């Protein structure tokens, strides 16, 4: 296995890992957004409206 093959394989693996990490972080962000929405709806009286 040559050096170029090693670099190509490493960059391929890194790109796959980056794609998986992006998908996972998007799922976590979506779930966190839904939880934040539910939290702000359930405790509306605790959260003051933003100042104009």
N, C-alpha and C. Protein backbone atom coordinates (compact mmCIF):
# COMPACT_ATOMS: atom_id res chain seq x y z
N UNK A 1 0.85 -1.18 0.00
CA UNK A 1 0.00 0.00 0.00
C UNK A 1 0.89 1.24 0.00
N UNK A 2 0.65 2.10 -0.97
CA UNK A 2 1.51 3.27 -1.11
C UNK A 2 1.04 4.41 -0.21
N UNK A 3 1.84 5.43 -0.15
CA UNK A 3 1.53 6.57 0.71
C UNK A 3 0.27 7.28 0.21
N UNK A 4 0.13 7.39 -1.10
CA UNK A 4 -1.05 8.05 -1.66
C UNK A 4 -2.32 7.27 -1.33
N UNK A 5 -2.24 5.95 -1.37
CA UNK A 5 -3.40 5.12 -1.01
C UNK A 5 -3.78 5.36 0.45
N UNK A 6 -2.78 5.47 1.29
CA UNK A 6 -3.04 5.70 2.71
C UNK A 6 -3.73 7.05 2.93
N UNK A 7 -3.24 8.07 2.24
CA UNK A 7 -3.85 9.41 2.37
C UNK A 7 -5.28 9.38 1.85
N UNK A 8 -5.50 8.71 0.73
CA UNK A 8 -6.86 8.66 0.16
C UNK A 8 -7.80 7.92 1.11
N UNK A 9 -7.34 6.83 1.68
CA UNK A 9 -8.18 6.06 2.61
C UNK A 9 -8.49 6.88 3.86
N UNK A 10 -7.47 7.57 4.38
CA UNK A 10 -7.68 8.39 5.57
C UNK A 10 -8.68 9.51 5.30
N UNK A 11 -8.54 10.18 4.17
CA UNK A 11 -9.45 11.28 3.86
C UNK A 11 -10.86 10.75 3.65
N UNK A 12 -10.97 9.55 3.08
CA UNK A 12 -12.28 8.94 2.87
C UNK A 12 -12.95 8.63 4.21
N UNK A 13 -12.17 8.03 5.13
CA UNK A 13 -12.70 7.71 6.45
C UNK A 13 -13.08 8.98 7.20
N UNK A 14 -12.25 10.00 7.11
CA UNK A 14 -12.53 11.26 7.80
C UNK A 14 -13.80 11.90 7.25
N UNK A 15 -13.99 11.83 5.93
CA UNK A 15 -15.19 12.42 5.36
C UNK A 15 -16.44 11.66 5.79
N UNK A 16 -16.34 10.32 5.89
CA UNK A 16 -17.48 9.53 6.36
C UNK A 16 -17.79 9.87 7.82
N UNK A 17 -16.73 9.96 8.64
CA UNK A 17 -16.94 10.30 10.04
C UNK A 17 -17.54 11.70 10.17
N UNK A 18 -17.09 12.63 9.33
CA UNK A 18 -17.64 13.98 9.37
C UNK A 18 -19.11 13.99 9.00
N UNK A 19 -19.49 13.18 8.00
CA UNK A 19 -20.89 13.11 7.60
C UNK A 19 -21.74 12.54 8.73
N UNK A 20 -21.25 11.46 9.37
CA UNK A 20 -21.99 10.85 10.47
C UNK A 20 -22.13 11.85 11.63
N UNK A 21 -21.04 12.56 11.94
CA UNK A 21 -21.09 13.54 13.03
C UNK A 21 -22.07 14.66 12.71
N UNK A 22 -22.12 15.08 11.44
CA UNK A 22 -23.06 16.13 11.05
C UNK A 22 -24.49 15.66 11.23
N UNK A 23 -24.78 14.43 10.81
CA UNK A 23 -26.13 13.89 10.94
C UNK A 23 -26.52 13.77 12.42
N UNK A 24 -25.59 13.26 13.23
CA UNK A 24 -25.88 13.09 14.66
C UNK A 24 -26.12 14.45 15.31
N UNK A 25 -25.28 15.43 15.00
CA UNK A 25 -25.46 16.74 15.62
C UNK A 25 -26.75 17.40 15.15
N UNK A 26 -27.15 17.15 13.89
CA UNK A 26 -28.41 17.70 13.41
C UNK A 26 -29.59 17.07 14.14
N UNK A 27 -29.50 15.75 14.40
CA UNK A 27 -30.57 15.07 15.14
C UNK A 27 -30.64 15.61 16.56
N UNK A 28 -29.47 15.77 17.21
CA UNK A 28 -29.46 16.30 18.57
C UNK A 28 -30.00 17.72 18.61
N UNK A 29 -29.62 18.53 17.63
CA UNK A 29 -30.10 19.91 17.60
C UNK A 29 -31.61 19.95 17.40
N UNK A 30 -32.13 19.06 16.55
CA UNK A 30 -33.57 19.03 16.32
C UNK A 30 -34.32 18.61 17.58
N UNK A 31 -33.81 17.58 18.25
CA UNK A 31 -34.45 17.11 19.48
C UNK A 31 -34.34 18.18 20.57
N UNK A 32 -33.20 18.84 20.67
CA UNK A 32 -33.04 19.89 21.66
C UNK A 32 -33.98 21.05 21.40
N UNK A 33 -34.18 21.36 20.12
CA UNK A 33 -35.09 22.44 19.76
C UNK A 33 -36.52 22.08 20.16
N UNK A 34 -36.90 20.83 19.92
CA UNK A 34 -38.26 20.41 20.31
C UNK A 34 -38.42 20.45 21.82
N UNK A 35 -37.39 20.00 22.58
CA UNK A 35 -37.47 20.03 24.03
C UNK A 35 -37.53 21.47 24.52
N UNK A 36 -36.75 22.35 23.90
CA UNK A 36 -36.75 23.75 24.30
C UNK A 36 -38.13 24.38 24.04
N UNK A 37 -38.74 24.02 22.91
CA UNK A 37 -40.07 24.52 22.59
C UNK A 37 -41.07 24.05 23.63
N UNK A 38 -41.03 22.76 23.95
CA UNK A 38 -41.96 22.21 24.94
C UNK A 38 -41.72 22.85 26.30
N UNK A 39 -40.46 23.06 26.64
CA UNK A 39 -40.15 23.67 27.93
C UNK A 39 -40.67 25.10 28.00
N UNK A 40 -40.47 25.87 26.93
CA UNK A 40 -40.91 27.26 26.95
C UNK A 40 -42.43 27.34 26.94
N UNK A 41 -43.11 26.35 26.35
CA UNK A 41 -44.56 26.35 26.37
C UNK A 41 -45.08 25.97 27.75
N UNK A 42 -44.42 25.02 28.42
CA UNK A 42 -44.91 24.54 29.71
C UNK A 42 -44.59 25.55 30.81
N UNK A 43 -43.52 26.31 30.66
CA UNK A 43 -43.15 27.28 31.71
C UNK A 43 -43.13 28.68 31.12
N UNK A 44 -44.22 29.03 30.47
CA UNK A 44 -44.30 30.34 29.83
C UNK A 44 -44.24 31.46 30.85
N UNK A 45 -44.80 31.22 32.02
CA UNK A 45 -44.86 32.28 33.02
C UNK A 45 -43.49 32.53 33.66
N UNK A 46 -42.54 31.56 33.47
CA UNK A 46 -41.22 31.76 34.05
C UNK A 46 -40.32 32.58 33.12
N UNK A 47 -40.57 32.44 31.84
CA UNK A 47 -39.71 33.11 30.86
C UNK A 47 -40.29 34.48 30.53
N UNK A 48 -39.51 35.50 30.80
CA UNK A 48 -39.99 36.84 30.50
C UNK A 48 -39.81 37.12 29.01
N UNK A 49 -40.73 37.88 28.44
CA UNK A 49 -40.58 38.20 27.02
C UNK A 49 -39.37 39.09 26.80
N UNK A 50 -38.74 38.98 25.68
CA UNK A 50 -37.54 39.80 25.40
C UNK A 50 -37.90 41.28 25.38
N UNK A 51 -36.98 42.08 25.81
CA UNK A 51 -37.21 43.53 25.83
C UNK A 51 -37.27 44.06 24.40
N UNK A 52 -38.16 44.97 24.15
CA UNK A 52 -38.29 45.52 22.79
C UNK A 52 -37.10 46.39 22.41
